[in-house]
Amino acid sequence: MAETTGEGAISKTEQWRERIAEQERRGISVRQFCKEQGLAEHCFYGWRKRLRERHQPMRFALVQTARVRPEPVNETNLELVLTSGERLCIGTGVDVATLRAVLDVLRA
């Protein structure tokens, strides 16, 4: 159930997704990030655990295991190449939450 604070407001879940993603992008410790943002560390860790455990259905998950470079796809705006050589093609209009879920799985 999404919690909102008013029309057009983002849910508390989405706020925490954004915070967690920002901390990861910046590459700083959770402690430092929470201090800068005025957040309680235990809340950060609690939300991160909750969001990682949440089982959301995937709308897409294309992982190519062949080492041969595929033909370019016109709708692909981004291609993520993993250290294993696998490629993840991300098309236009991809749902941000779904992309985050895929990236979380790949990081695990």
PDB file of N, CA and C in Angstrom:
ATOM      1  N   MET A   1       0.843  -1.169   0.000  1.00  0.00           N
ATOM      2  CA  MET A   1       0.000   0.000   0.000  1.00  0.00           C
ATOM      3  C   MET A   1       0.893   1.238   0.000  1.00  0.00           C
ATOM      4  N   ALA A   2       0.675   2.122  -0.966  1.00  0.00           N
ATOM      5  CA  ALA A   2       1.498   3.330  -1.078  1.00  0.00           C
ATOM      6  C   ALA A   2       0.962   4.406  -0.153  1.00  0.00           C
ATOM      7  N   GLU A   3       1.870   5.049   0.534  1.00  0.00           N
ATOM      8  CA  GLU A   3       1.500   6.138   1.425  1.00  0.00           C
ATOM      9  C   GLU A   3       1.840   7.443   0.731  1.00  0.00           C
ATOM     10  N   THR A   4       0.869   8.359   0.678  1.00  0.00           N
ATOM     11  CA  THR A   4       1.135   9.646   0.059  1.00  0.00           C
ATOM     12  C   THR A   4       0.750  10.744   1.031  1.00  0.00           C
ATOM     13  N   THR A   5       1.316  11.913   0.781  1.00  0.00           N
ATOM     14  CA  THR A   5       1.025  13.050   1.652  1.00  0.00           C
ATOM     15  C   THR A   5       0.111  14.053   0.985  1.00  0.00           C
ATOM     16  N   GLY A   6      -0.341  13.781  -0.217  1.00  0.00           N
ATOM     17  CA  GLY A   6      -1.234  14.690  -0.906  1.00  0.00           C
ATOM     18  C   GLY A   6      -1.160  14.443  -2.396  1.00  0.00           C
ATOM     19  N   GLU A   7      -1.950  15.194  -3.155  1.00  0.00           N
ATOM     20  CA  GLU A   7      -1.985  15.027  -4.598  1.00  0.00           C
ATOM     21  C   GLU A   7      -0.618  15.310  -5.200  1.00  0.00           C
ATOM     22  N   GLY A   8      -0.150  14.408  -6.034  1.00  0.00           N
ATOM     23  CA  GLY A   8       1.126  14.594  -6.691  1.00  0.00           C
ATOM     24  C   GLY A   8       2.323  14.236  -5.823  1.00  0.00           C
ATOM     25  N   ALA A   9       2.094  13.940  -4.557  1.00  0.00           N
ATOM     26  CA  ALA A   9       3.201  13.601  -3.659  1.00  0.00           C
ATOM     27  C   ALA A   9       3.651  12.176  -3.933  1.00  0.00           C
ATOM     28  N   ILE A  10       4.934  11.932  -3.732  1.00  0.00           N
ATOM     29  CA  ILE A  10       5.415  10.568  -3.930  1.00  0.00           C
ATOM     30  C   ILE A  10       5.256   9.785  -2.633  1.00  0.00           C
ATOM     31  N   SER A  11       5.158   8.486  -2.771  1.00  0.00           N
ATOM     32  CA  SER A  11       4.949   7.638  -1.608  1.00  0.00           C
ATOM     33  C   SER A  11       6.198   7.608  -0.735  1.00  0.00           C
ATOM     34  N   LYS A  12       6.005   7.233   0.503  1.00  0.00           N
ATOM     35  CA  LYS A  12       7.125   7.087   1.434  1.00  0.00           C
ATOM     36  C   LYS A  12       8.089   6.030   0.902  1.00  0.00           C
ATOM     37  N   THR A  13       7.545   4.970   0.318  1.00  0.00           N
ATOM     38  CA  THR A  13       8.378   3.922  -0.261  1.00  0.00           C
ATOM     39  C   THR A  13       9.261   4.494  -1.362  1.00  0.00           C
ATOM     40  N   GLU A  14       8.686   5.291  -2.239  1.00  0.00           N
ATOM     41  CA  GLU A  14       9.463   5.876  -3.335  1.00  0.00           C
ATOM     42  C   GLU A  14      10.498   6.872  -2.807  1.00  0.00           C
ATOM     43  N   GLN A  15      10.161   7.606  -1.760  1.00  0.00           N
ATOM     44  CA  GLN A  15      11.131   8.522  -1.149  1.00  0.00           C
ATOM     45  C   GLN A  15      12.348   7.744  -0.655  1.00  0.00           C
ATOM     46  N   TRP A  16      12.103   6.621   0.010  1.00  0.00           N
ATOM     47  CA  TRP A  16      13.212   5.824   0.526  1.00  0.00           C
ATOM     48  C   TRP A  16      13.994   5.163  -0.602  1.00  0.00           C
ATOM     49  N   ARG A  17      13.303   4.736  -1.667  1.00  0.00           N
ATOM     50  CA  ARG A  17      14.025   4.191  -2.826  1.00  0.00           C
ATOM     51  C   ARG A  17      14.997   5.233  -3.368  1.00  0.00           C
ATOM     52  N   GLU A  18      14.518   6.457  -3.482  1.00  0.00           N
ATOM     53  CA  GLU A  18      15.357   7.545  -3.994  1.00  0.00           C
ATOM     54  C   GLU A  18      16.538   7.815  -3.064  1.00  0.00           C
ATOM     55  N   ARG A  19      16.281   7.846  -1.772  1.00  0.00           N
ATOM     56  CA  ARG A  19      17.359   8.098  -0.802  1.00  0.00           C
ATOM     57  C   ARG A  19      18.432   7.012  -0.880  1.00  0.00           C
ATOM     58  N   ILE A  20      17.991   5.766  -0.903  1.00  0.00           N
ATOM     59  CA  ILE A  20      18.921   4.647  -0.938  1.00  0.00           C
ATOM     60  C   ILE A  20      19.727   4.670  -2.237  1.00  0.00           C
ATOM     61  N   ALA A  21      19.061   4.947  -3.344  1.00  0.00           N
ATOM     62  CA  ALA A  21      19.761   5.028  -4.633  1.00  0.00           C
ATOM     63  C   ALA A  21      20.773   6.168  -4.623  1.00  0.00           C
ATOM     64  N   GLU A  22      20.418   7.299  -4.037  1.00  0.00           N
ATOM     65  CA  GLU A  22      21.339   8.430  -3.973  1.00  0.00           C
ATOM     66  C   GLU A  22      22.586   8.078  -3.158  1.00  0.00           C
ATOM     67  N   GLN A  23      22.390   7.416  -2.017  1.00  0.00           N
ATOM     68  CA  GLN A  23      23.536   7.028  -1.185  1.00  0.00           C
ATOM     69  C   GLN A  23      24.456   6.098  -1.967  1.00  0.00           C
ATOM     70  N   GLU A  24      23.881   5.155  -2.703  1.00  0.00           N
ATOM     71  CA  GLU A  24      24.685   4.225  -3.489  1.00  0.00           C
ATOM     72  C   GLU A  24      25.413   4.944  -4.622  1.00  0.00           C
ATOM     73  N   ARG A  25      24.723   5.861  -5.305  1.00  0.00           N
ATOM     74  CA  ARG A  25      25.350   6.617  -6.398  1.00  0.00           C
ATOM     75  C   ARG A  25      26.526   7.443  -5.898  1.00  0.00           C
ATOM     76  N   ARG A  26      26.349   8.059  -4.732  1.00  0.00           N
ATOM     77  CA  ARG A  26      27.396   8.921  -4.188  1.00  0.00           C
ATOM     78  C   ARG A  26      28.571   8.125  -3.637  1.00  0.00           C
ATOM     79  N   GLY A  27      28.348   6.868  -3.295  1.00  0.00           N
ATOM     80  CA  GLY A  27      29.422   6.014  -2.817  1.00  0.00           C
ATOM     81  C   GLY A  27      29.960   6.408  -1.454  1.00  0.00           C
ATOM     82  N   ILE A  28      29.121   7.015  -0.630  1.00  0.00           N
ATOM     83  CA  ILE A  28      29.551   7.383   0.719  1.00  0.00           C
ATOM     84  C   ILE A  28      28.927   6.415   1.709  1.00  0.00           C
ATOM     85  N   SER A  29      29.436   6.416   2.923  1.00  0.00           N
ATOM     86  CA  SER A  29      28.915   5.499   3.935  1.00  0.00           C
ATOM     87  C   SER A  29      27.479   5.881   4.299  1.00  0.00           C
ATOM     88  N   VAL A  30      26.754   4.888   4.785  1.00  0.00           N
ATOM     89  CA  VAL A  30      25.387   5.133   5.240  1.00  0.00           C
ATOM     90  C   VAL A  30      25.402   6.153   6.376  1.00  0.00           C
ATOM     91  N   ARG A  31      26.354   6.008   7.275  1.00  0.00           N
ATOM     92  CA  ARG A  31      26.462   6.928   8.409  1.00  0.00           C
ATOM     93  C   ARG A  31      26.609   8.376   7.929  1.00  0.00           C
ATOM     94  N   GLN A  32      27.527   8.602   7.001  1.00  0.00           N
ATOM     95  CA  GLN A  32      27.761   9.956   6.499  1.00  0.00           C
ATOM     96  C   GLN A  32      26.529  10.478   5.762  1.00  0.00           C
ATOM     97  N   PHE A  33      25.930   9.633   4.924  1.00  0.00           N
ATOM     98  CA  PHE A  33      24.749  10.043   4.167  1.00  0.00           C
ATOM     99  C   PHE A  33      23.614  10.437   5.111  1.00  0.00           C
ATOM    100  N   CYS A  34      23.359   9.593   6.111  1.00  0.00           N
ATOM    101  CA  CYS A  34      22.274   9.870   7.056  1.00  0.00           C
ATOM    102  C   CYS A  34      22.542  11.156   7.834  1.00  0.00           C
ATOM    103  N   LYS A  35      23.783  11.373   8.209  1.00  0.00           N
ATOM    104  CA  LYS A  35      24.138  12.586   8.933  1.00  0.00           C
ATOM    105  C   LYS A  35      23.864  13.816   8.070  1.00  0.00           C
ATOM    106  N   GLU A  36      24.288  13.766   6.800  1.00  0.00           N
ATOM    107  CA  GLU A  36      24.069  14.886   5.889  1.00  0.00           C
ATOM    108  C   GLU A  36      22.592  15.147   5.639  1.00  0.00           C
ATOM    109  N   GLN A  37      21.799  14.085   5.578  1.00  0.00           N
ATOM    110  CA  GLN A  37      20.380  14.202   5.245  1.00  0.00           C
ATOM    111  C   GLN A  37      19.476  14.349   6.470  1.00  0.00           C
ATOM    112  N   GLY A  38      20.053  14.230   7.661  1.00  0.00           N
ATOM    113  CA  GLY A  38      19.254  14.316   8.879  1.00  0.00           C
ATOM    114  C   GLY A  38      18.351  13.112   9.077  1.00  0.00           C
ATOM    115  N   LEU A  39      18.850  11.941   8.695  1.00  0.00           N
ATOM    116  CA  LEU A  39      18.080  10.703   8.806  1.00  0.00           C
ATOM    117  C   LEU A  39      18.653   9.816   9.900  1.00  0.00           C
ATOM    118  N   ALA A  40      17.805   9.009  10.499  1.00  0.00           N
ATOM    119  CA  ALA A  40      18.262   8.026  11.479  1.00  0.00           C
ATOM    120  C   ALA A  40      18.786   6.806  10.729  1.00  0.00           C
ATOM    121  N   GLU A  41      19.991   6.363  11.101  1.00  0.00           N
ATOM    122  CA  GLU A  41      20.594   5.211  10.426  1.00  0.00           C
ATOM    123  C   GLU A  41      19.702   3.973  10.493  1.00  0.00           C
ATOM    124  N   HIS A  42      19.091   3.734  11.653  1.00  0.00           N
ATOM    125  CA  HIS A  42      18.264   2.525  11.767  1.00  0.00           C
ATOM    126  C   HIS A  42      17.090   2.567  10.798  1.00  0.00           C
ATOM    127  N   CYS A  43      16.565   3.746  10.518  1.00  0.00           N
ATOM    128  CA  CYS A  43      15.479   3.871   9.534  1.00  0.00           C
ATOM    129  C   CYS A  43      15.996   3.550   8.131  1.00  0.00           C
ATOM    130  N   PHE A  44      17.181   4.082   7.819  1.00  0.00           N
ATOM    131  CA  PHE A  44      17.776   3.820   6.506  1.00  0.00           C
ATOM    132  C   PHE A  44      17.954   2.318   6.296  1.00  0.00           C
ATOM    133  N   TYR A  45      18.581   1.652   7.277  1.00  0.00           N
ATOM    134  CA  TYR A  45      18.818   0.212   7.150  1.00  0.00           C
ATOM    135  C   TYR A  45      17.503  -0.575   7.102  1.00  0.00           C
ATOM    136  N   GLY A  46      16.536  -0.156   7.896  1.00  0.00           N
ATOM    137  CA  GLY A  46      15.240  -0.840   7.903  1.00  0.00           C
ATOM    138  C   GLY A  46      14.548  -0.753   6.550  1.00  0.00           C
ATOM    139  N   TRP A  47      14.540   0.449   5.966  1.00  0.00           N
ATOM    140  CA  TRP A  47      13.912   0.626   4.656  1.00  0.00           C
ATOM    141  C   TRP A  47      14.685  -0.107   3.565  1.00  0.00           C
ATOM    142  N   ARG A  48      15.999  -0.085   3.637  1.00  0.00           N
ATOM    143  CA  ARG A  48      16.792  -0.768   2.627  1.00  0.00           C
ATOM    144  C   ARG A  48      16.495  -2.267   2.657  1.00  0.00           C
ATOM    145  N   LYS A  49      16.415  -2.823   3.859  1.00  0.00           N
ATOM    146  CA  LYS A  49      16.099  -4.248   3.986  1.00  0.00           C
ATOM    147  C   LYS A  49      14.694  -4.538   3.456  1.00  0.00           C
ATOM    148  N   ARG A  50      13.745  -3.707   3.834  1.00  0.00           N
ATOM    149  CA  ARG A  50      12.360  -3.899   3.396  1.00  0.00           C
ATOM    150  C   ARG A  50      12.265  -3.863   1.873  1.00  0.00           C
ATOM    151  N   LEU A  51      12.930  -2.901   1.261  1.00  0.00           N
ATOM    152  CA  LEU A  51      12.852  -2.767  -0.191  1.00  0.00           C
ATOM    153  C   LEU A  51      13.578  -3.898  -0.914  1.00  0.00           C
ATOM    154  N   ARG A  52      14.644  -4.417  -0.341  1.00  0.00           N
ATOM    155  CA  ARG A  52      15.355  -5.537  -0.962  1.00  0.00           C
ATOM    156  C   ARG A  52      14.564  -6.823  -0.864  1.00  0.00           C
ATOM    157  N   GLU A  53      13.794  -6.978   0.215  1.00  0.00           N
ATOM    158  CA  GLU A  53      13.031  -8.208   0.425  1.00  0.00           C
ATOM    159  C   GLU A  53      11.720  -8.221  -0.334  1.00  0.00           C
ATOM    160  N   ARG A  54      11.251  -7.064  -0.716  1.00  0.00           N
ATOM    161  CA  ARG A  54       9.956  -6.960  -1.393  1.00  0.00           C
ATOM    162  C   ARG A  54      10.025  -7.682  -2.736  1.00  0.00           C
ATOM    163  N   HIS A  55       9.073  -8.553  -2.943  1.00  0.00           N
ATOM    164  CA  HIS A  55       9.043  -9.308  -4.193  1.00  0.00           C
ATOM    165  C   HIS A  55       8.050  -8.651  -5.128  1.00  0.00           C
ATOM    166  N   GLN A  56       8.583  -7.900  -6.069  1.00  0.00           N
ATOM    167  CA  GLN A  56       7.734  -7.253  -7.057  1.00  0.00           C
ATOM    168  C   GLN A  56       7.870  -8.000  -8.374  1.00  0.00           C
ATOM    169  N   PRO A  57       6.767  -8.155  -9.096  1.00  0.00           N
ATOM    170  CA  PRO A  57       6.859  -8.842 -10.386  1.00  0.00           C
ATOM    171  C   PRO A  57       7.702  -8.018 -11.360  1.00  0.00           C
ATOM    172  N   MET A  58       8.501  -8.713 -12.152  1.00  0.00           N
ATOM    173  CA  MET A  58       9.342  -8.045 -13.136  1.00  0.00           C
ATOM    174  C   MET A  58       8.547  -7.837 -14.411  1.00  0.00           C
ATOM    175  N   ARG A  59       8.679  -6.663 -14.980  1.00  0.00           N
ATOM    176  CA  ARG A  59       8.040  -6.410 -16.267  1.00  0.00           C
ATOM    177  C   ARG A  59       8.976  -6.798 -17.403  1.00  0.00           C
ATOM    178  N   PHE A  60      10.263  -6.810 -17.121  1.00  0.00           N
ATOM    179  CA  PHE A  60      11.235  -7.234 -18.113  1.00  0.00           C
ATOM    180  C   PHE A  60      12.495  -7.685 -17.392  1.00  0.00           C
ATOM    181  N   ALA A  61      13.233  -8.506 -18.021  1.00  0.00           N
ATOM    182  CA  ALA A  61      14.540  -8.898 -17.511  1.00  0.00           C
ATOM    183  C   ALA A  61      15.252  -9.621 -18.641  1.00  0.00           C
ATOM    184  N   LEU A  62      15.913  -8.867 -19.503  1.00  0.00           N
ATOM    185  CA  LEU A  62      16.622  -9.431 -20.636  1.00  0.00           C
ATOM    186  C   LEU A  62      18.101  -9.464 -20.314  1.00  0.00           C
ATOM    187  N   VAL A  63      18.645 -10.653 -20.227  1.00  0.00           N
ATOM    188  CA  VAL A  63      20.082 -10.811 -20.027  1.00  0.00           C
ATOM    189  C   VAL A  63      20.576 -11.703 -21.145  1.00  0.00           C
ATOM    190  N   GLN A  64      21.483 -11.182 -21.941  1.00  0.00           N
ATOM    191  CA  GLN A  64      22.026 -11.953 -23.046  1.00  0.00           C
ATOM    192  C   GLN A  64      23.325 -12.605 -22.595  1.00  0.00           C
ATOM    193  N   THR A  65      23.407 -13.924 -22.729  1.00  0.00           N
ATOM    194  CA  THR A  65      24.596 -14.630 -22.260  1.00  0.00           C
ATOM    195  C   THR A  65      25.616 -14.870 -23.362  1.00  0.00           C
ATOM    196  N   ALA A  66      25.246 -14.697 -24.617  1.00  0.00           N
ATOM    197  CA  ALA A  66      26.190 -14.891 -25.715  1.00  0.00           C
ATOM    198  C   ALA A  66      27.224 -13.774 -25.716  1.00  0.00           C
ATOM    199  N   ARG A  67      28.444 -14.118 -26.048  1.00  0.00           N
ATOM    200  CA  ARG A  67      29.525 -13.132 -26.096  1.00  0.00           C
ATOM    201  C   ARG A  67      29.525 -12.354 -27.413  1.00  0.00           C
ATOM    202  N   VAL A  68      28.698 -12.743 -28.348  1.00  0.00           N
ATOM    203  CA  VAL A  68      28.624 -12.064 -29.642  1.00  0.00           C
ATOM    204  C   VAL A  68      27.792 -10.802 -29.486  1.00  0.00           C
ATOM    205  N   ARG A  69      28.282  -9.709 -30.057  1.00  0.00           N
ATOM    206  CA  ARG A  69      27.562  -8.432 -29.964  1.00  0.00           C
ATOM    207  C   ARG A  69      26.280  -8.519 -30.795  1.00  0.00           C
ATOM    208  N   PRO A  70      25.134  -8.262 -30.149  1.00  0.00           N
ATOM    209  CA  PRO A  70      23.864  -8.344 -30.871  1.00  0.00           C
ATOM    210  C   PRO A  70      23.691  -7.149 -31.814  1.00  0.00           C
ATOM    211  N   GLU A  71      22.783  -7.336 -32.758  1.00  0.00           N
ATOM    212  CA  GLU A  71      22.429  -6.230 -33.641  1.00  0.00           C
ATOM    213  C   GLU A  71      21.801  -5.123 -32.798  1.00  0.00           C
ATOM    214  N   PRO A  72      22.088  -3.862 -33.104  1.00  0.00           N
ATOM    215  CA  PRO A  72      21.502  -2.766 -32.319  1.00  0.00           C
ATOM    216  C   PRO A  72      19.984  -2.757 -32.434  1.00  0.00           C
ATOM    217  N   VAL A  73      19.353  -2.444 -31.333  1.00  0.00           N
ATOM    218  CA  VAL A  73      17.904  -2.332 -31.280  1.00  0.00           C
ATOM    219  C   VAL A  73      17.563  -0.856 -31.215  1.00  0.00           C
ATOM    220  N   ASN A  74      16.685  -0.411 -32.083  1.00  0.00           N
ATOM    221  CA  ASN A  74      16.376   1.018 -32.174  1.00  0.00           C
ATOM    222  C   ASN A  74      15.784   1.590 -30.892  1.00  0.00           C
ATOM    223  N   GLU A  75      15.071   0.780 -30.131  1.00  0.00           N
ATOM    224  CA  GLU A  75      14.409   1.280 -28.937  1.00  0.00           C
ATOM    225  C   GLU A  75      15.310   1.284 -27.708  1.00  0.00           C
ATOM    226  N   THR A  76      16.517   0.773 -27.813  1.00  0.00           N
ATOM    227  CA  THR A  76      17.411   0.713 -26.669  1.00  0.00           C
ATOM    228  C   THR A  76      18.122   2.043 -26.493  1.00  0.00           C
ATOM    229  N   ASN A  77      17.964   2.644 -25.326  1.00  0.00           N
ATOM    230  CA  ASN A  77      18.653   3.882 -25.025  1.00  0.00           C
ATOM    231  C   ASN A  77      19.914   3.640 -24.222  1.00  0.00           C
ATOM    232  N   LEU A  78      19.970   2.505 -23.552  1.00  0.00           N
ATOM    233  CA  LEU A  78      21.079   2.237 -22.656  1.00  0.00           C
ATOM    234  C   LEU A  78      21.397   0.748 -22.699  1.00  0.00           C
ATOM    235  N   GLU A  79      22.692   0.438 -22.752  1.00  0.00           N
ATOM    236  CA  GLU A  79      23.116  -0.948 -22.702  1.00  0.00           C
ATOM    237  C   GLU A  79      24.121  -1.074 -21.569  1.00  0.00           C
ATOM    238  N   LEU A  80      23.818  -1.922 -20.605  1.00  0.00           N
ATOM    239  CA  LEU A  80      24.665  -2.141 -19.441  1.00  0.00           C
ATOM    240  C   LEU A  80      25.456  -3.415 -19.686  1.00  0.00           C
ATOM    241  N   VAL A  81      26.793  -3.301 -19.693  1.00  0.00           N
ATOM    242  CA  VAL A  81      27.654  -4.453 -19.925  1.00  0.00           C
ATOM    243  C   VAL A  81      28.242  -4.875 -18.581  1.00  0.00           C
ATOM    244  N   LEU A  82      27.939  -6.092 -18.176  1.00  0.00           N
ATOM    245  CA  LEU A  82      28.413  -6.611 -16.907  1.00  0.00           C
ATOM    246  C   LEU A  82      29.842  -7.128 -17.055  1.00  0.00           C
ATOM    247  N   THR A  83      30.553  -7.232 -15.959  1.00  0.00           N
ATOM    248  CA  THR A  83      31.932  -7.721 -16.002  1.00  0.00           C
ATOM    249  C   THR A  83      32.016  -9.141 -16.538  1.00  0.00           C
ATOM    250  N   SER A  84      30.941  -9.883 -16.462  1.00  0.00           N
ATOM    251  CA  SER A  84      30.903 -11.250 -16.985  1.00  0.00           C
ATOM    252  C   SER A  84      30.755 -11.265 -18.503  1.00  0.00           C
ATOM    253  N   GLY A  85      30.521 -10.092 -19.099  1.00  0.00           N
ATOM    254  CA  GLY A  85      30.327 -10.012 -20.540  1.00  0.00           C
ATOM    255  C   GLY A  85      28.866  -9.996 -20.940  1.00  0.00           C
ATOM    256  N   GLU A  86      27.984 -10.269 -19.993  1.00  0.00           N
ATOM    257  CA  GLU A  86      26.558 -10.236 -20.285  1.00  0.00           C
ATOM    258  C   GLU A  86      26.113  -8.794 -20.475  1.00  0.00           C
ATOM    259  N   ARG A  87      25.074  -8.597 -21.273  1.00  0.00           N
ATOM    260  CA  ARG A  87      24.584  -7.260 -21.582  1.00  0.00           C
ATOM    261  C   ARG A  87      23.116  -7.141 -21.181  1.00  0.00           C
ATOM    262  N   LEU A  88      22.772  -5.996 -20.640  1.00  0.00           N
ATOM    263  CA  LEU A  88      21.399  -5.694 -20.267  1.00  0.00           C
ATOM    264  C   LEU A  88      20.977  -4.502 -21.101  1.00  0.00           C
ATOM    265  N   CYS A  89      20.016  -4.717 -22.005  1.00  0.00           N
ATOM    266  CA  CYS A  89      19.529  -3.645 -22.872  1.00  0.00           C
ATOM    267  C   CYS A  89      18.303  -3.023 -22.223  1.00  0.00           C
ATOM    268  N   ILE A  90      18.347  -1.717 -22.034  1.00  0.00           N
ATOM    269  CA  ILE A  90      17.279  -1.008 -21.348  1.00  0.00           C
ATOM    270  C   ILE A  90      16.612  -0.077 -22.346  1.00  0.00           C
ATOM    271  N   GLY A  91      15.358  -0.332 -22.623  1.00  0.00           N
ATOM    272  CA  GLY A  91      14.624   0.422 -23.630  1.00  0.00           C
ATOM    273  C   GLY A  91      13.991   1.685 -23.093  1.00  0.00           C
ATOM    274  N   THR A  92      13.466   2.464 -24.003  1.00  0.00           N
ATOM    275  CA  THR A  92      12.789   3.700 -23.620  1.00  0.00           C
ATOM    276  C   THR A  92      11.533   3.380 -22.833  1.00  0.00           C
ATOM    277  N   GLY A  93      11.208   4.227 -21.905  1.00  0.00           N
ATOM    278  CA  GLY A  93       9.980   4.074 -21.140  1.00  0.00           C
ATOM    279  C   GLY A  93      10.029   3.008 -20.068  1.00  0.00           C
ATOM    280  N   VAL A  94      11.209   2.524 -19.709  1.00  0.00           N
ATOM    281  CA  VAL A  94      11.303   1.490 -18.675  1.00  0.00           C
ATOM    282  C   VAL A  94      10.863   2.084 -17.333  1.00  0.00           C
ATOM    283  N   ASP A  95      10.170   1.288 -16.566  1.00  0.00           N
ATOM    284  CA  ASP A  95       9.708   1.703 -15.251  1.00  0.00           C
ATOM    285  C   ASP A  95      10.907   1.797 -14.304  1.00  0.00           C
ATOM    286  N   VAL A  96      11.076   2.945 -13.637  1.00  0.00           N
ATOM    287  CA  VAL A  96      12.229   3.196 -12.770  1.00  0.00           C
ATOM    288  C   VAL A  96      12.307   2.171 -11.637  1.00  0.00           C
ATOM    289  N   ALA A  97      11.196   1.863 -11.033  1.00  0.00           N
ATOM    290  CA  ALA A  97      11.197   0.902  -9.917  1.00  0.00           C
ATOM    291  C   ALA A  97      11.632  -0.484 -10.396  1.00  0.00           C
ATOM    292  N   THR A  98      11.198  -0.874 -11.578  1.00  0.00           N
ATOM    293  CA  THR A  98      11.579  -2.171 -12.119  1.00  0.00           C
ATOM    294  C   THR A  98      13.072  -2.203 -12.417  1.00  0.00           C
ATOM    295  N   LEU A  99      13.583  -1.124 -13.002  1.00  0.00           N
ATOM    296  CA  LEU A  99      15.016  -1.054 -13.293  1.00  0.00           C
ATOM    297  C   LEU A  99      15.830  -1.142 -12.007  1.00  0.00           C
ATOM    298  N   ARG A 100      15.392  -0.445 -10.952  1.00  0.00           N
ATOM    299  CA  ARG A 100      16.100  -0.514  -9.664  1.00  0.00           C
ATOM    300  C   ARG A 100      16.094  -1.939  -9.124  1.00  0.00           C
ATOM    301  N   ALA A 101      14.959  -2.624  -9.259  1.00  0.00           N
ATOM    302  CA  ALA A 101      14.851  -3.996  -8.759  1.00  0.00           C
ATOM    303  C   ALA A 101      15.824  -4.912  -9.503  1.00  0.00           C
ATOM    304  N   VAL A 102      15.926  -4.733 -10.826  1.00  0.00           N
ATOM    305  CA  VAL A 102      16.858  -5.532 -11.620  1.00  0.00           C
ATOM    306  C   VAL A 102      18.291  -5.247 -11.187  1.00  0.00           C
ATOM    307  N   LEU A 103      18.627  -3.979 -11.028  1.00  0.00           N
ATOM    308  CA  LEU A 103      19.984  -3.619 -10.615  1.00  0.00           C
ATOM    309  C   LEU A 103      20.305  -4.161  -9.230  1.00  0.00           C
ATOM    310  N   ASP A 104      19.324  -4.148  -8.325  1.00  0.00           N
ATOM    311  CA  ASP A 104      19.542  -4.709  -6.983  1.00  0.00           C
ATOM    312  C   ASP A 104      19.868  -6.196  -7.068  1.00  0.00           C
ATOM    313  N   VAL A 105      19.168  -6.921  -7.941  1.00  0.00           N
ATOM    314  CA  VAL A 105      19.427  -8.352  -8.116  1.00  0.00           C
ATOM    315  C   VAL A 105      20.826  -8.560  -8.673  1.00  0.00           C
ATOM    316  N   LEU A 106      21.227  -7.738  -9.621  1.00  0.00           N
ATOM    317  CA  LEU A 106      22.549  -7.885 -10.222  1.00  0.00           C
ATOM    318  C   LEU A 106      23.663  -7.564  -9.235  1.00  0.00           C
ATOM    319  N   ARG A 107      23.400  -6.642  -8.300  1.00  0.00           N
ATOM    320  CA  ARG A 107      24.399  -6.276  -7.316  1.00  0.00           C
ATOM    321  C   ARG A 107      24.581  -7.351  -6.249  1.00  0.00           C
ATOM    322  N   ALA A 108      23.539  -8.146  -6.029  1.00  0.00           N
ATOM    323  CA  ALA A 108      23.572  -9.146  -4.961  1.00  0.00           C
ATOM    324  C   ALA A 108      24.533 -10.260  -5.236  1.00  0.00           C
TER     325      ALA A 108
END
